Amino acid sequence: MVPGLALLSAFLADAELYILDEPTSGLDPLMELTFQECIREVKKQGKTVFLSSHILAEVEAICDRVGIIRQGEIVESGTLEELRHLTRTTVTIELARPIKLEQLPGVHDVRQKGEKWCFSVDTKDMDTVMKALALQRKCVLVG
């Protein structure tokens, strides 16, 4: 069955709960809009939709609440606004001397690539991390 047709057929069932895994994968933009309309309609009817998606724009357009699953466990949940604190920026630097990056607030996933270090920083902690890096004699932001 064609993906879009299968998806629309699912909404013909009068269910209280819909579980959809990456439902817009393979859909053209027009079908994606139709899908979003279907979601809004079943939500108006008081029904529940569990949606698994890696497409943030899709999630923002149709979801009331979001859960983040890591290794099979829900690690965060809430509205998108409540989860905005989770945004991170990836930083790549070269250092003249070692620094314990993992001890800086908001730093995650530290890894070394030759002379370069790559890590992610929580948005709220970026200023503190940049100030700590500025104290290094030689610290070059890369890329």
C-alpha atoms as a PDB file:
ATOM      1  CA  MET A   1       0.000   0.000   0.000  1.00  0.00           C
ATOM      2  CA  VAL A   2       1.233   3.523  -0.765  1.00  0.00           C
ATOM      3  CA  PRO A   3       2.588   5.160   2.467  1.00  0.00           C
ATOM      4  CA  GLY A   4       0.253   8.176   2.317  1.00  0.00           C
ATOM      5  CA  LEU A   5      -2.783   6.016   1.617  1.00  0.00           C
ATOM      6  CA  ALA A   6      -1.901   3.629   4.441  1.00  0.00           C
ATOM      7  CA  LEU A   7      -1.517   6.562   6.825  1.00  0.00           C
ATOM      8  CA  LEU A   8      -4.837   8.137   5.875  1.00  0.00           C
ATOM      9  CA  SER A   9      -6.521   4.735   6.123  1.00  0.00           C
ATOM     10  CA  ALA A  10      -5.302   4.444   9.706  1.00  0.00           C
ATOM     11  CA  PHE A  11      -7.256   7.576  10.604  1.00  0.00           C
ATOM     12  CA  LEU A  12     -10.458   6.057   9.259  1.00  0.00           C
ATOM     13  CA  ALA A  13     -10.477   3.702  12.244  1.00  0.00           C
ATOM     14  CA  ASP A  14     -12.330   5.142  15.222  1.00  0.00           C
ATOM     15  CA  ALA A  15      -9.575   4.566  17.762  1.00  0.00           C
ATOM     16  CA  GLU A  16      -8.867   6.385  21.017  1.00  0.00           C
ATOM     17  CA  LEU A  17      -5.116   5.925  20.607  1.00  0.00           C
ATOM     18  CA  TYR A  18      -2.949   6.124  17.495  1.00  0.00           C
ATOM     19  CA  ILE A  19       0.710   5.043  17.620  1.00  0.00           C
ATOM     20  CA  LEU A  20       2.692   6.297  14.640  1.00  0.00           C
ATOM     21  CA  ASP A  21       6.375   5.591  14.008  1.00  0.00           C
ATOM     22  CA  GLU A  22       8.038   8.072  11.614  1.00  0.00           C
ATOM     23  CA  PRO A  23       4.717   8.466   9.786  1.00  0.00           C
ATOM     24  CA  THR A  24       5.814  11.100   7.269  1.00  0.00           C
ATOM     25  CA  SER A  25       8.824   9.144   6.039  1.00  0.00           C
ATOM     26  CA  GLY A  26       8.478   8.965   2.269  1.00  0.00           C
ATOM     27  CA  LEU A  27       5.597  11.440   2.038  1.00  0.00           C
ATOM     28  CA  ASP A  28       5.635  14.414  -0.297  1.00  0.00           C
ATOM     29  CA  PRO A  29       5.079  17.894   1.224  1.00  0.00           C
ATOM     30  CA  LEU A  30       1.383  17.977   0.295  1.00  0.00           C
ATOM     31  CA  MET A  31       0.743  14.640   2.001  1.00  0.00           C
ATOM     32  CA  GLU A  32       2.674  15.857   5.048  1.00  0.00           C
ATOM     33  CA  LEU A  33       0.253  18.793   5.343  1.00  0.00           C
ATOM     34  CA  THR A  34      -2.702  16.438   4.958  1.00  0.00           C
ATOM     35  CA  PHE A  35      -1.231  14.237   7.679  1.00  0.00           C
ATOM     36  CA  GLN A  36      -0.899  17.238  10.014  1.00  0.00           C
ATOM     37  CA  GLU A  37      -4.551  18.128   9.362  1.00  0.00           C
ATOM     38  CA  CYS A  38      -5.567  14.565  10.256  1.00  0.00           C
ATOM     39  CA  ILE A  39      -3.600  14.764  13.508  1.00  0.00           C
ATOM     40  CA  ARG A  40      -5.251  18.060  14.446  1.00  0.00           C
ATOM     41  CA  GLU A  41      -8.681  16.590  13.715  1.00  0.00           C
ATOM     42  CA  VAL A  42      -8.247  13.517  15.919  1.00  0.00           C
ATOM     43  CA  LYS A  43      -6.802  15.750  18.670  1.00  0.00           C
ATOM     44  CA  LYS A  44      -9.966  17.908  18.493  1.00  0.00           C
ATOM     45  CA  GLN A  45     -11.948  14.713  19.024  1.00  0.00           C
ATOM     46  CA  GLY A  46     -10.060  14.152  22.285  1.00  0.00           C
ATOM     47  CA  LYS A  47      -8.043  11.231  20.997  1.00  0.00           C
ATOM     48  CA  THR A  48      -4.389  10.548  21.764  1.00  0.00           C
ATOM     49  CA  VAL A  49      -1.598  10.294  19.200  1.00  0.00           C
ATOM     50  CA  PHE A  50       1.847   8.939  20.054  1.00  0.00           C
ATOM     51  CA  LEU A  51       4.218  10.064  17.348  1.00  0.00           C
ATOM     52  CA  SER A  52       7.817   8.973  16.903  1.00  0.00           C
ATOM     53  CA  SER A  53       9.720  11.471  14.777  1.00  0.00           C
ATOM     54  CA  HIS A  54      13.203  12.902  14.289  1.00  0.00           C
ATOM     55  CA  ILE A  55      11.821  15.865  12.347  1.00  0.00           C
ATOM     56  CA  LEU A  56      11.706  18.783  14.791  1.00  0.00           C
ATOM     57  CA  ALA A  57       9.573  20.975  12.497  1.00  0.00           C
ATOM     58  CA  GLU A  58       6.949  18.232  12.386  1.00  0.00           C
ATOM     59  CA  VAL A  59       6.992  17.830  16.157  1.00  0.00           C
ATOM     60  CA  GLU A  60       6.689  21.597  16.669  1.00  0.00           C
ATOM     61  CA  ALA A  61       3.755  21.782  14.267  1.00  0.00           C
ATOM     62  CA  ILE A  62       1.584  19.070  15.799  1.00  0.00           C
ATOM     63  CA  CYS A  63       2.711  17.934  19.251  1.00  0.00           C
ATOM     64  CA  ASP A  64       1.485  19.261  22.594  1.00  0.00           C
ATOM     65  CA  ARG A  65       4.011  17.329  24.659  1.00  0.00           C
ATOM     66  CA  VAL A  66       7.338  15.717  23.800  1.00  0.00           C
ATOM     67  CA  GLY A  67       9.250  12.830  25.310  1.00  0.00           C
ATOM     68  CA  ILE A  68      12.898  12.182  24.595  1.00  0.00           C
ATOM     69  CA  ILE A  69      13.857   8.510  24.607  1.00  0.00           C
ATOM     70  CA  ARG A  70      17.467   7.424  25.006  1.00  0.00           C
ATOM     71  CA  GLN A  71      18.375   3.727  25.088  1.00  0.00           C
ATOM     72  CA  GLY A  72      14.739   2.751  25.581  1.00  0.00           C
ATOM     73  CA  GLU A  73      14.113   5.073  28.539  1.00  0.00           C
ATOM     74  CA  ILE A  74      12.199   8.358  28.624  1.00  0.00           C
ATOM     75  CA  VAL A  75      14.872  10.774  29.851  1.00  0.00           C
ATOM     76  CA  GLU A  76      12.959  14.061  29.453  1.00  0.00           C
ATOM     77  CA  SER A  77       9.355  15.025  28.813  1.00  0.00           C
ATOM     78  CA  GLY A  78       7.299  18.174  28.697  1.00  0.00           C
ATOM     79  CA  THR A  79       6.122  20.836  26.303  1.00  0.00           C
ATOM     80  CA  LEU A  80       8.551  22.058  23.678  1.00  0.00           C
ATOM     81  CA  GLU A  81       8.940  25.289  25.628  1.00  0.00           C
ATOM     82  CA  GLU A  82       9.817  23.335  28.774  1.00  0.00           C
ATOM     83  CA  LEU A  83      12.447  21.364  26.841  1.00  0.00           C
ATOM     84  CA  ARG A  84      14.154  24.335  25.163  1.00  0.00           C
ATOM     85  CA  HIS A  85      16.831  24.187  27.881  1.00  0.00           C
ATOM     86  CA  LEU A  86      18.067  20.984  26.249  1.00  0.00           C
ATOM     87  CA  THR A  87      19.433  22.687  23.169  1.00  0.00           C
ATOM     88  CA  ARG A  88      23.156  22.273  22.744  1.00  0.00           C
ATOM     89  CA  THR A  89      25.842  23.657  20.476  1.00  0.00           C
ATOM     90  CA  THR A  90      28.711  21.563  19.178  1.00  0.00           C
ATOM     91  CA  VAL A  91      32.131  23.159  19.661  1.00  0.00           C
ATOM     92  CA  THR A  92      35.445  22.101  18.117  1.00  0.00           C
ATOM     93  CA  ILE A  93      38.643  23.658  19.485  1.00  0.00           C
ATOM     94  CA  GLU A  94      42.407  23.287  19.503  1.00  0.00           C
ATOM     95  CA  LEU A  95      44.101  23.722  22.862  1.00  0.00           C
ATOM     96  CA  ALA A  96      47.718  24.574  23.654  1.00  0.00           C
ATOM     97  CA  ARG A  97      47.482  22.790  26.988  1.00  0.00           C
ATOM     98  CA  PRO A  98      45.037  20.314  28.496  1.00  0.00           C
ATOM     99  CA  ILE A  99      41.874  21.468  30.227  1.00  0.00           C
ATOM    100  CA  LYS A 100      39.305  19.268  31.946  1.00  0.00           C
ATOM    101  CA  LEU A 101      36.456  20.133  29.610  1.00  0.00           C
ATOM    102  CA  GLU A 102      34.078  17.610  31.168  1.00  0.00           C
ATOM    103  CA  GLN A 103      34.280  19.527  34.467  1.00  0.00           C
ATOM    104  CA  LEU A 104      32.913  22.720  32.916  1.00  0.00           C
ATOM    105  CA  PRO A 105      29.173  23.288  33.457  1.00  0.00           C
ATOM    106  CA  GLY A 106      26.947  22.181  30.600  1.00  0.00           C
ATOM    107  CA  VAL A 107      29.695  20.342  28.672  1.00  0.00           C
ATOM    108  CA  HIS A 108      28.811  16.903  27.265  1.00  0.00           C
ATOM    109  CA  ASP A 109      30.177  14.252  24.921  1.00  0.00           C
ATOM    110  CA  VAL A 110      33.836  15.342  25.064  1.00  0.00           C
ATOM    111  CA  ARG A 111      36.019  13.582  22.504  1.00  0.00           C
ATOM    112  CA  GLN A 112      39.475  14.186  21.132  1.00  0.00           C
ATOM    113  CA  LYS A 113      40.316  14.093  17.414  1.00  0.00           C
ATOM    114  CA  GLY A 114      44.063  14.488  17.081  1.00  0.00           C
ATOM    115  CA  GLU A 115      44.894  17.974  18.352  1.00  0.00           C
ATOM    116  CA  LYS A 116      41.246  18.994  18.246  1.00  0.00           C
ATOM    117  CA  TRP A 117      38.618  18.556  20.918  1.00  0.00           C
ATOM    118  CA  CYS A 118      34.937  18.297  20.107  1.00  0.00           C
ATOM    119  CA  PHE A 119      32.100  18.588  22.646  1.00  0.00           C
ATOM    120  CA  SER A 120      28.582  19.920  23.038  1.00  0.00           C
ATOM    121  CA  VAL A 121      27.525  22.720  25.373  1.00  0.00           C
ATOM    122  CA  ASP A 122      24.105  23.498  26.814  1.00  0.00           C
ATOM    123  CA  THR A 123      22.959  26.875  25.519  1.00  0.00           C
ATOM    124  CA  LYS A 124      22.538  28.279  29.027  1.00  0.00           C
ATOM    125  CA  ASP A 125      26.181  27.471  29.880  1.00  0.00           C
ATOM    126  CA  MET A 126      27.822  28.667  26.655  1.00  0.00           C
ATOM    127  CA  ASP A 127      28.980  32.001  28.126  1.00  0.00           C
ATOM    128  CA  THR A 128      30.659  30.319  31.113  1.00  0.00           C
ATOM    129  CA  VAL A 129      32.393  27.749  28.885  1.00  0.00           C
ATOM    130  CA  MET A 130      33.610  30.392  26.424  1.00  0.00           C
ATOM    131  CA  LYS A 131      35.046  32.463  29.301  1.00  0.00           C
ATOM    132  CA  ALA A 132      36.896  29.409  30.639  1.00  0.00           C
ATOM    133  CA  LEU A 133      38.298  28.684  27.186  1.00  0.00           C
ATOM    134  CA  ALA A 134      39.334  32.323  26.740  1.00  0.00           C
ATOM    135  CA  LEU A 135      41.639  31.943  29.765  1.00  0.00           C
ATOM    136  CA  GLN A 136      43.716  29.400  27.825  1.00  0.00           C
ATOM    137  CA  ARG A 137      46.893  30.780  26.227  1.00  0.00           C
ATOM    138  CA  LYS A 138      46.013  29.245  22.900  1.00  0.00           C
ATOM    139  CA  CYS A 139      42.518  28.156  22.159  1.00  0.00           C
ATOM    140  CA  VAL A 140      41.298  28.240  18.576  1.00  0.00           C
ATOM    141  CA  LEU A 141      37.666  27.656  17.664  1.00  0.00           C
ATOM    142  CA  VAL A 142      37.579  25.458  14.602  1.00  0.00           C
ATOM    143  CA  GLY A 143      34.850  25.339  11.949  1.00  0.00           C
END
